[in-house]
Amino acid sequence: MAKGFPAAFVTLVVGLIAIGISYKQYKTAKAKLKLDLFEKRYSVFESAWRFLSESTNVNNTAPFAPDFTNMTPQAGFLFGPEVEKYLKDIWEKRAQLKAIFVEQSSRSLTNEEISRKNELLNWFFEQASGEAKRVFSPWLEFSEWK
């Protein structure tokens, strides 16, 4: 029995080292997955923020961005339905604002249309100034990875 003890001890040590290496590989893979998710999510946030910022253009000459609408379904998978709905709301408000500017180019706007235009411009400014960051922050904060 004493002869087998050193071999068993070496086997145990090697096994513990293998477990330690496996655990570190698991932690590294998990951190990489979180980083990859962060990069994809940040890309969506950055596109949304850029779209919001372009919408505050007083002349509203910014074109519609098909990449923004194409990423909306992706946002549903990366963030969930809340953010997907938020992006759809952004798109709808941008379409409303664009329609007002088209009307403005052909005729004088009514007081109600001017009021709605200002309301939409203010909304886009508020979103670009910080509200969008608040909406996306639960998924982008480093303190709590999801």
N, C-alpha and C. Protein backbone atom coordinates (compact mmCIF):
# COMPACT_ATOMS: atom_id res chain seq x y z
N MET A 1 0.83 -1.19 0.00
CA MET A 1 0.00 0.00 0.00
C MET A 1 0.87 1.26 0.00
N ALA A 2 1.99 1.21 0.72
CA ALA A 2 2.88 2.36 0.79
C ALA A 2 3.53 2.63 -0.55
N LYS A 3 3.70 1.59 -1.38
CA LYS A 3 4.30 1.77 -2.69
C LYS A 3 3.36 2.52 -3.63
N GLY A 4 2.06 2.33 -3.52
CA GLY A 4 1.07 2.96 -4.40
C GLY A 4 0.72 4.39 -3.99
N PHE A 5 1.08 4.75 -2.79
CA PHE A 5 0.73 6.10 -2.30
C PHE A 5 1.36 7.21 -3.13
N PRO A 6 2.64 7.22 -3.45
CA PRO A 6 3.23 8.30 -4.26
C PRO A 6 2.55 8.44 -5.63
N ALA A 7 2.25 7.31 -6.27
CA ALA A 7 1.60 7.35 -7.58
C ALA A 7 0.19 7.95 -7.45
N ALA A 8 -0.52 7.56 -6.44
CA ALA A 8 -1.87 8.09 -6.22
C ALA A 8 -1.83 9.58 -5.92
N PHE A 9 -0.82 9.97 -5.13
CA PHE A 9 -0.67 11.40 -4.80
C PHE A 9 -0.37 12.22 -6.05
N VAL A 10 0.52 11.73 -6.89
CA VAL A 10 0.86 12.43 -8.14
C VAL A 10 -0.38 12.52 -9.04
N THR A 11 -1.12 11.44 -9.13
CA THR A 11 -2.35 11.42 -9.93
C THR A 11 -3.35 12.45 -9.41
N LEU A 12 -3.48 12.52 -8.10
CA LEU A 12 -4.38 13.48 -7.48
C LEU A 12 -3.95 14.92 -7.78
N VAL A 13 -2.67 15.20 -7.67
CA VAL A 13 -2.15 16.55 -7.94
C VAL A 13 -2.37 16.92 -9.40
N VAL A 14 -2.06 15.99 -10.30
CA VAL A 14 -2.27 16.25 -11.74
C VAL A 14 -3.76 16.48 -12.01
N GLY A 15 -4.60 15.71 -11.39
CA GLY A 15 -6.05 15.89 -11.55
C GLY A 15 -6.51 17.25 -11.06
N LEU A 16 -6.01 17.69 -9.91
CA LEU A 16 -6.37 19.00 -9.37
C LEU A 16 -5.87 20.13 -10.28
N ILE A 17 -4.68 19.96 -10.84
CA ILE A 17 -4.16 20.96 -11.77
C ILE A 17 -5.05 21.03 -13.02
N ALA A 18 -5.46 19.86 -13.52
CA ALA A 18 -6.33 19.81 -14.70
C ALA A 18 -7.67 20.49 -14.41
N ILE A 19 -8.20 20.27 -13.23
CA ILE A 19 -9.46 20.91 -12.83
C ILE A 19 -9.27 22.43 -12.78
N GLY A 20 -8.15 22.86 -12.21
CA GLY A 20 -7.88 24.30 -12.13
C GLY A 20 -7.77 24.94 -13.51
N ILE A 21 -7.08 24.25 -14.43
CA ILE A 21 -6.94 24.78 -15.80
C ILE A 21 -8.30 24.82 -16.49
N SER A 22 -9.08 23.77 -16.33
CA SER A 22 -10.42 23.73 -16.93
C SER A 22 -11.30 24.86 -16.41
N TYR A 23 -11.21 25.11 -15.12
CA TYR A 23 -12.01 26.18 -14.52
C TYR A 23 -11.59 27.54 -15.08
N LYS A 24 -10.30 27.77 -15.22
CA LYS A 24 -9.81 29.03 -15.78
C LYS A 24 -10.24 29.18 -17.23
N GLN A 25 -10.22 28.09 -18.00
CA GLN A 25 -10.69 28.15 -19.38
C GLN A 25 -12.18 28.47 -19.44
N TYR A 26 -12.95 27.90 -18.53
CA TYR A 26 -14.38 28.19 -18.44
C TYR A 26 -14.61 29.67 -18.15
N LYS A 27 -13.87 30.20 -17.18
CA LYS A 27 -14.03 31.62 -16.83
C LYS A 27 -13.63 32.52 -18.00
N THR A 28 -12.56 32.15 -18.72
CA THR A 28 -12.11 32.93 -19.87
C THR A 28 -13.16 32.90 -20.98
N ALA A 29 -13.72 31.74 -21.25
CA ALA A 29 -14.75 31.61 -22.29
C ALA A 29 -15.99 32.42 -21.91
N LYS A 30 -16.36 32.39 -20.65
CA LYS A 30 -17.52 33.15 -20.18
C LYS A 30 -17.27 34.65 -20.32
N ALA A 31 -16.07 35.10 -19.97
CA ALA A 31 -15.73 36.53 -20.11
C ALA A 31 -15.70 36.93 -21.58
N LYS A 32 -15.22 36.07 -22.45
CA LYS A 32 -15.19 36.37 -23.88
C LYS A 32 -16.60 36.49 -24.43
N LEU A 33 -17.48 35.60 -24.02
CA LEU A 33 -18.88 35.68 -24.45
C LEU A 33 -19.49 37.01 -24.01
N LYS A 34 -19.23 37.41 -22.78
CA LYS A 34 -19.76 38.67 -22.29
C LYS A 34 -19.19 39.85 -23.06
N LEU A 35 -17.92 39.80 -23.39
CA LEU A 35 -17.30 40.87 -24.17
C LEU A 35 -17.89 40.92 -25.58
N ASP A 36 -18.07 39.76 -26.19
CA ASP A 36 -18.68 39.72 -27.53
C ASP A 36 -20.09 40.29 -27.50
N LEU A 37 -20.86 39.91 -26.49
CA LEU A 37 -22.22 40.46 -26.35
C LEU A 37 -22.18 41.97 -26.15
N PHE A 38 -21.24 42.42 -25.31
CA PHE A 38 -21.12 43.85 -25.08
C PHE A 38 -20.84 44.58 -26.38
N GLU A 39 -19.92 44.06 -27.19
CA GLU A 39 -19.57 44.72 -28.45
C GLU A 39 -20.76 44.78 -29.39
N LYS A 40 -21.53 43.70 -29.49
CA LYS A 40 -22.72 43.71 -30.35
C LYS A 40 -23.77 44.68 -29.82
N ARG A 41 -23.97 44.67 -28.52
CA ARG A 41 -24.96 45.57 -27.91
C ARG A 41 -24.53 47.02 -28.04
N TYR A 42 -23.24 47.29 -27.84
CA TYR A 42 -22.77 48.67 -27.95
C TYR A 42 -22.93 49.18 -29.38
N SER A 43 -22.74 48.31 -30.34
CA SER A 43 -22.92 48.69 -31.74
C SER A 43 -24.37 49.12 -32.00
N VAL A 44 -25.31 48.41 -31.42
CA VAL A 44 -26.73 48.77 -31.57
C VAL A 44 -26.98 50.12 -30.88
N PHE A 45 -26.45 50.27 -29.66
CA PHE A 45 -26.61 51.54 -28.95
C PHE A 45 -26.04 52.70 -29.75
N GLU A 46 -24.84 52.50 -30.29
CA GLU A 46 -24.17 53.56 -31.04
C GLU A 46 -24.98 53.96 -32.28
N SER A 47 -25.54 52.98 -32.98
CA SER A 47 -26.39 53.27 -34.14
C SER A 47 -27.64 54.03 -33.73
N ALA A 48 -28.24 53.61 -32.64
CA ALA A 48 -29.45 54.29 -32.15
C ALA A 48 -29.12 55.73 -31.75
N TRP A 49 -28.02 55.90 -31.03
CA TRP A 49 -27.64 57.25 -30.59
C TRP A 49 -27.35 58.14 -31.79
N ARG A 50 -26.65 57.60 -32.80
CA ARG A 50 -26.35 58.37 -34.01
C ARG A 50 -27.66 58.76 -34.73
N PHE A 51 -28.59 57.83 -34.81
CA PHE A 51 -29.88 58.08 -35.46
C PHE A 51 -30.64 59.17 -34.71
N LEU A 52 -30.63 59.09 -33.38
CA LEU A 52 -31.30 60.12 -32.56
C LEU A 52 -30.63 61.48 -32.76
N SER A 53 -29.32 61.50 -32.76
CA SER A 53 -28.59 62.76 -32.92
C SER A 53 -28.85 63.38 -34.28
N GLU A 54 -28.86 62.57 -35.32
CA GLU A 54 -29.14 63.09 -36.66
C GLU A 54 -30.56 63.63 -36.75
N SER A 55 -31.45 63.09 -35.97
CA SER A 55 -32.84 63.52 -36.00
C SER A 55 -33.04 64.90 -35.39
N THR A 56 -32.08 65.36 -34.60
CA THR A 56 -32.21 66.68 -34.00
C THR A 56 -31.81 67.79 -34.96
N ASN A 57 -31.34 67.41 -36.14
CA ASN A 57 -30.98 68.38 -37.17
C ASN A 57 -32.20 69.24 -37.48
N VAL A 58 -32.08 70.53 -37.27
CA VAL A 58 -33.23 71.44 -37.42
C VAL A 58 -33.78 71.42 -38.85
N ASN A 59 -32.92 71.26 -39.84
CA ASN A 59 -33.40 71.21 -41.22
C ASN A 59 -33.85 69.81 -41.60
N ASN A 60 -33.54 68.86 -40.75
CA ASN A 60 -33.90 67.45 -40.95
C ASN A 60 -33.52 66.95 -42.33
N THR A 61 -32.30 67.23 -42.72
CA THR A 61 -31.80 66.75 -44.00
C THR A 61 -31.18 65.36 -43.88
N ALA A 62 -31.09 64.83 -42.67
CA ALA A 62 -30.50 63.50 -42.48
C ALA A 62 -31.37 62.45 -43.16
N PRO A 63 -30.77 61.59 -43.95
CA PRO A 63 -31.56 60.57 -44.64
C PRO A 63 -32.00 59.47 -43.67
N PHE A 64 -33.01 58.72 -44.11
CA PHE A 64 -33.38 57.54 -43.34
C PHE A 64 -32.23 56.55 -43.42
N ALA A 65 -32.04 55.82 -42.39
CA ALA A 65 -30.92 54.88 -42.33
C ALA A 65 -31.44 53.46 -42.33
N PRO A 66 -31.30 52.75 -43.46
CA PRO A 66 -31.81 51.38 -43.49
C PRO A 66 -31.09 50.46 -42.50
N ASP A 67 -29.82 50.76 -42.21
CA ASP A 67 -29.11 49.91 -41.24
C ASP A 67 -29.75 49.99 -39.86
N PHE A 68 -30.35 51.14 -39.55
CA PHE A 68 -31.05 51.29 -38.27
C PHE A 68 -32.26 50.36 -38.21
N THR A 69 -33.07 50.36 -39.25
CA THR A 69 -34.26 49.50 -39.25
C THR A 69 -33.88 48.03 -39.34
N ASN A 70 -32.79 47.73 -40.03
CA ASN A 70 -32.35 46.34 -40.15
C ASN A 70 -31.83 45.78 -38.83
N MET A 71 -31.34 46.64 -37.95
CA MET A 71 -30.80 46.14 -36.68
C MET A 71 -31.88 46.02 -35.60
N THR A 72 -33.07 46.53 -35.85
CA THR A 72 -34.13 46.49 -34.84
C THR A 72 -34.49 45.07 -34.42
N PRO A 73 -34.67 44.13 -35.35
CA PRO A 73 -34.93 42.75 -34.89
C PRO A 73 -33.76 42.16 -34.11
N GLN A 74 -32.54 42.49 -34.51
CA GLN A 74 -31.36 42.02 -33.80
C GLN A 74 -31.39 42.52 -32.35
N ALA A 75 -31.83 43.74 -32.18
CA ALA A 75 -31.91 44.32 -30.83
C ALA A 75 -32.86 43.52 -29.95
N GLY A 76 -33.92 42.98 -30.55
CA GLY A 76 -34.84 42.16 -29.78
C GLY A 76 -34.16 40.94 -29.18
N PHE A 77 -33.23 40.35 -29.93
CA PHE A 77 -32.50 39.19 -29.43
C PHE A 77 -31.43 39.59 -28.42
N LEU A 78 -30.78 40.72 -28.64
CA LEU A 78 -29.67 41.13 -27.77
C LEU A 78 -30.15 41.79 -26.48
N PHE A 79 -31.29 42.47 -26.53
CA PHE A 79 -31.75 43.24 -25.37
C PHE A 79 -33.10 42.78 -24.84
N GLY A 80 -33.96 42.33 -25.71
CA GLY A 80 -35.31 41.97 -25.32
C GLY A 80 -36.33 42.91 -25.94
N PRO A 81 -37.60 42.66 -25.68
CA PRO A 81 -38.67 43.41 -26.34
C PRO A 81 -38.72 44.90 -25.97
N GLU A 82 -38.26 45.25 -24.78
CA GLU A 82 -38.32 46.66 -24.35
C GLU A 82 -37.49 47.55 -25.27
N VAL A 83 -36.27 47.14 -25.55
CA VAL A 83 -35.39 47.95 -26.40
C VAL A 83 -35.85 47.89 -27.85
N GLU A 84 -36.33 46.73 -28.28
CA GLU A 84 -36.85 46.63 -29.65
C GLU A 84 -38.01 47.60 -29.86
N LYS A 85 -38.90 47.68 -28.87
CA LYS A 85 -40.02 48.63 -28.95
C LYS A 85 -39.52 50.07 -28.95
N TYR A 86 -38.52 50.35 -28.13
CA TYR A 86 -37.93 51.69 -28.07
C TYR A 86 -37.39 52.09 -29.44
N LEU A 87 -36.70 51.18 -30.11
CA LEU A 87 -36.14 51.48 -31.43
C LEU A 87 -37.25 51.69 -32.46
N LYS A 88 -38.32 50.91 -32.36
CA LYS A 88 -39.46 51.11 -33.27
C LYS A 88 -40.11 52.47 -33.03
N ASP A 89 -40.21 52.87 -31.76
CA ASP A 89 -40.76 54.20 -31.44
C ASP A 89 -39.89 55.31 -32.03
N ILE A 90 -38.59 55.14 -31.94
CA ILE A 90 -37.67 56.12 -32.53
C ILE A 90 -37.94 56.24 -34.03
N TRP A 91 -38.04 55.12 -34.70
CA TRP A 91 -38.26 55.11 -36.14
C TRP A 91 -39.59 55.79 -36.49
N GLU A 92 -40.64 55.48 -35.75
CA GLU A 92 -41.95 56.07 -36.03
C GLU A 92 -41.93 57.58 -35.81
N LYS A 93 -41.31 58.04 -34.76
CA LYS A 93 -41.23 59.48 -34.50
C LYS A 93 -40.39 60.17 -35.57
N ARG A 94 -39.34 59.51 -36.03
CA ARG A 94 -38.52 60.10 -37.09
C ARG A 94 -39.35 60.23 -38.37
N ALA A 95 -40.18 59.23 -38.67
CA ALA A 95 -41.04 59.28 -39.86
C ALA A 95 -42.05 60.43 -39.73
N GLN A 96 -42.59 60.62 -38.53
CA GLN A 96 -43.52 61.73 -38.31
C GLN A 96 -42.83 63.07 -38.53
N LEU A 97 -41.63 63.19 -37.97
CA LEU A 97 -40.88 64.44 -38.11
C LEU A 97 -40.52 64.70 -39.57
N LYS A 98 -40.11 63.67 -40.26
CA LYS A 98 -39.76 63.80 -41.67
C LYS A 98 -40.98 64.25 -42.47
N ALA A 99 -42.14 63.70 -42.17
CA ALA A 99 -43.37 64.08 -42.87
C ALA A 99 -43.70 65.56 -42.63
N ILE A 100 -43.48 66.03 -41.44
CA ILE A 100 -43.73 67.45 -41.14
C ILE A 100 -42.79 68.32 -41.95
N PHE A 101 -41.51 67.92 -42.04
CA PHE A 101 -40.56 68.71 -42.83
C PHE A 101 -40.90 68.69 -44.31
N VAL A 102 -41.42 67.58 -44.80
CA VAL A 102 -41.85 67.52 -46.21
C VAL A 102 -43.01 68.48 -46.42
N GLU A 103 -43.97 68.50 -45.52
CA GLU A 103 -45.10 69.44 -45.61
C GLU A 103 -44.60 70.88 -45.55
N GLN A 104 -43.65 71.14 -44.70
CA GLN A 104 -43.12 72.49 -44.51
C GLN A 104 -42.45 72.99 -45.80
N SER A 105 -41.89 72.08 -46.57
CA SER A 105 -41.22 72.50 -47.81
C SER A 105 -42.22 72.91 -48.89
N SER A 106 -43.48 72.50 -48.76
CA SER A 106 -44.46 72.83 -49.80
C SER A 106 -45.49 73.87 -49.37
N ARG A 107 -45.61 74.08 -48.06
CA ARG A 107 -46.61 75.05 -47.57
C ARG A 107 -46.25 75.48 -46.15
N SER A 108 -46.96 76.49 -45.68
CA SER A 108 -46.77 76.93 -44.30
C SER A 108 -47.44 75.94 -43.36
N LEU A 109 -46.78 75.68 -42.26
CA LEU A 109 -47.34 74.74 -41.28
C LEU A 109 -48.37 75.42 -40.41
N THR A 110 -49.34 74.63 -39.96
CA THR A 110 -50.32 75.14 -38.99
C THR A 110 -49.64 75.23 -37.63
N ASN A 111 -50.27 75.93 -36.71
CA ASN A 111 -49.73 76.03 -35.35
C ASN A 111 -49.60 74.66 -34.71
N GLU A 112 -50.57 73.80 -34.97
CA GLU A 112 -50.53 72.44 -34.41
C GLU A 112 -49.33 71.66 -34.97
N GLU A 113 -49.06 71.80 -36.26
CA GLU A 113 -47.92 71.11 -36.87
C GLU A 113 -46.59 71.67 -36.36
N ILE A 114 -46.53 72.97 -36.18
CA ILE A 114 -45.32 73.58 -35.63
C ILE A 114 -45.08 73.08 -34.20
N SER A 115 -46.16 73.01 -33.45
CA SER A 115 -46.05 72.52 -32.07
C SER A 115 -45.58 71.06 -32.06
N ARG A 116 -46.13 70.24 -32.94
CA ARG A 116 -45.74 68.82 -33.01
C ARG A 116 -44.28 68.69 -33.46
N LYS A 117 -43.87 69.51 -34.41
CA LYS A 117 -42.49 69.48 -34.89
C LYS A 117 -41.53 69.81 -33.73
N ASN A 118 -41.84 70.86 -32.98
CA ASN A 118 -40.99 71.25 -31.85
C ASN A 118 -40.98 70.17 -30.77
N GLU A 119 -42.13 69.56 -30.55
CA GLU A 119 -42.24 68.49 -29.56
C GLU A 119 -41.35 67.30 -29.97
N LEU A 120 -41.40 66.95 -31.25
CA LEU A 120 -40.58 65.84 -31.73
C LEU A 120 -39.09 66.18 -31.67
N LEU A 121 -38.72 67.38 -32.08
CA LEU A 121 -37.31 67.79 -32.02
C LEU A 121 -36.81 67.76 -30.58
N ASN A 122 -37.62 68.23 -29.65
CA ASN A 122 -37.24 68.19 -28.23
C ASN A 122 -37.10 66.75 -27.74
N TRP A 123 -38.02 65.89 -28.17
CA TRP A 123 -37.96 64.48 -27.77
C TRP A 123 -36.66 63.85 -28.26
N PHE A 124 -36.31 64.08 -29.52
CA PHE A 124 -35.07 63.53 -30.05
C PHE A 124 -33.85 64.09 -29.31
N PHE A 125 -33.89 65.37 -28.99
CA PHE A 125 -32.77 65.97 -28.25
C PHE A 125 -32.63 65.32 -26.87
N GLU A 126 -33.75 65.12 -26.18
CA GLU A 126 -33.71 64.48 -24.85
C GLU A 126 -33.19 63.06 -24.94
N GLN A 127 -33.63 62.33 -25.95
CA GLN A 127 -33.18 60.95 -26.11
C GLN A 127 -31.68 60.90 -26.38
N ALA A 128 -31.22 61.75 -27.30
CA ALA A 128 -29.80 61.77 -27.64
C ALA A 128 -28.94 62.28 -26.49
N SER A 129 -29.51 63.14 -25.66
CA SER A 129 -28.75 63.74 -24.56
C SER A 129 -28.59 62.84 -23.35
N GLY A 130 -29.34 61.78 -23.26
CA GLY A 130 -29.17 60.93 -22.09
C GLY A 130 -30.19 59.84 -21.90
N GLU A 131 -31.38 60.02 -22.40
CA GLU A 131 -32.42 59.02 -22.18
C GLU A 131 -32.05 57.69 -22.85
N ALA A 132 -31.47 57.75 -24.03
CA ALA A 132 -31.07 56.51 -24.71
C ALA A 132 -30.04 55.75 -23.88
N LYS A 133 -29.13 56.48 -23.28
CA LYS A 133 -28.12 55.84 -22.43
C LYS A 133 -28.79 55.13 -21.26
N ARG A 134 -29.81 55.75 -20.69
CA ARG A 134 -30.53 55.14 -19.57
C ARG A 134 -31.24 53.86 -20.02
N VAL A 135 -31.84 53.89 -21.20
CA VAL A 135 -32.56 52.72 -21.71
C VAL A 135 -31.60 51.55 -21.93
N PHE A 136 -30.43 51.83 -22.49
CA PHE A 136 -29.48 50.77 -22.83
C PHE A 136 -28.56 50.38 -21.68
N SER A 137 -28.42 51.22 -20.67
CA SER A 137 -27.41 51.00 -19.63
C SER A 137 -27.53 49.67 -18.87
N PRO A 138 -28.72 49.12 -18.64
CA PRO A 138 -28.73 47.84 -17.92
C PRO A 138 -27.95 46.73 -18.63
N TRP A 139 -27.81 46.83 -19.93
CA TRP A 139 -27.11 45.80 -20.69
C TRP A 139 -25.67 46.19 -21.02
N LEU A 140 -25.29 47.43 -20.77
CA LEU A 140 -23.96 47.88 -21.17
C LEU A 140 -23.05 48.24 -19.99
N GLU A 141 -23.57 48.24 -18.79
CA GLU A 141 -22.74 48.57 -17.64
C GLU A 141 -21.78 47.43 -17.33
N PHE A 142 -20.55 47.77 -17.05
CA PHE A 142 -19.56 46.74 -16.72
C PHE A 142 -19.77 46.20 -15.30
N SER A 143 -20.41 46.98 -14.46
CA SER A 143 -20.55 46.54 -13.07
C SER A 143 -21.43 45.30 -12.96
N GLU A 144 -22.40 45.17 -13.87
CA GLU A 144 -23.27 44.00 -13.85
C GLU A 144 -23.42 43.46 -15.25
N TRP A 145 -22.66 42.47 -15.58
CA TRP A 145 -22.76 41.84 -16.90
C TRP A 145 -24.00 40.98 -16.92
N LYS A 146 -24.73 41.05 -18.05
CA LYS A 146 -25.92 40.20 -18.22
C LYS A 146 -25.66 39.18 -19.28
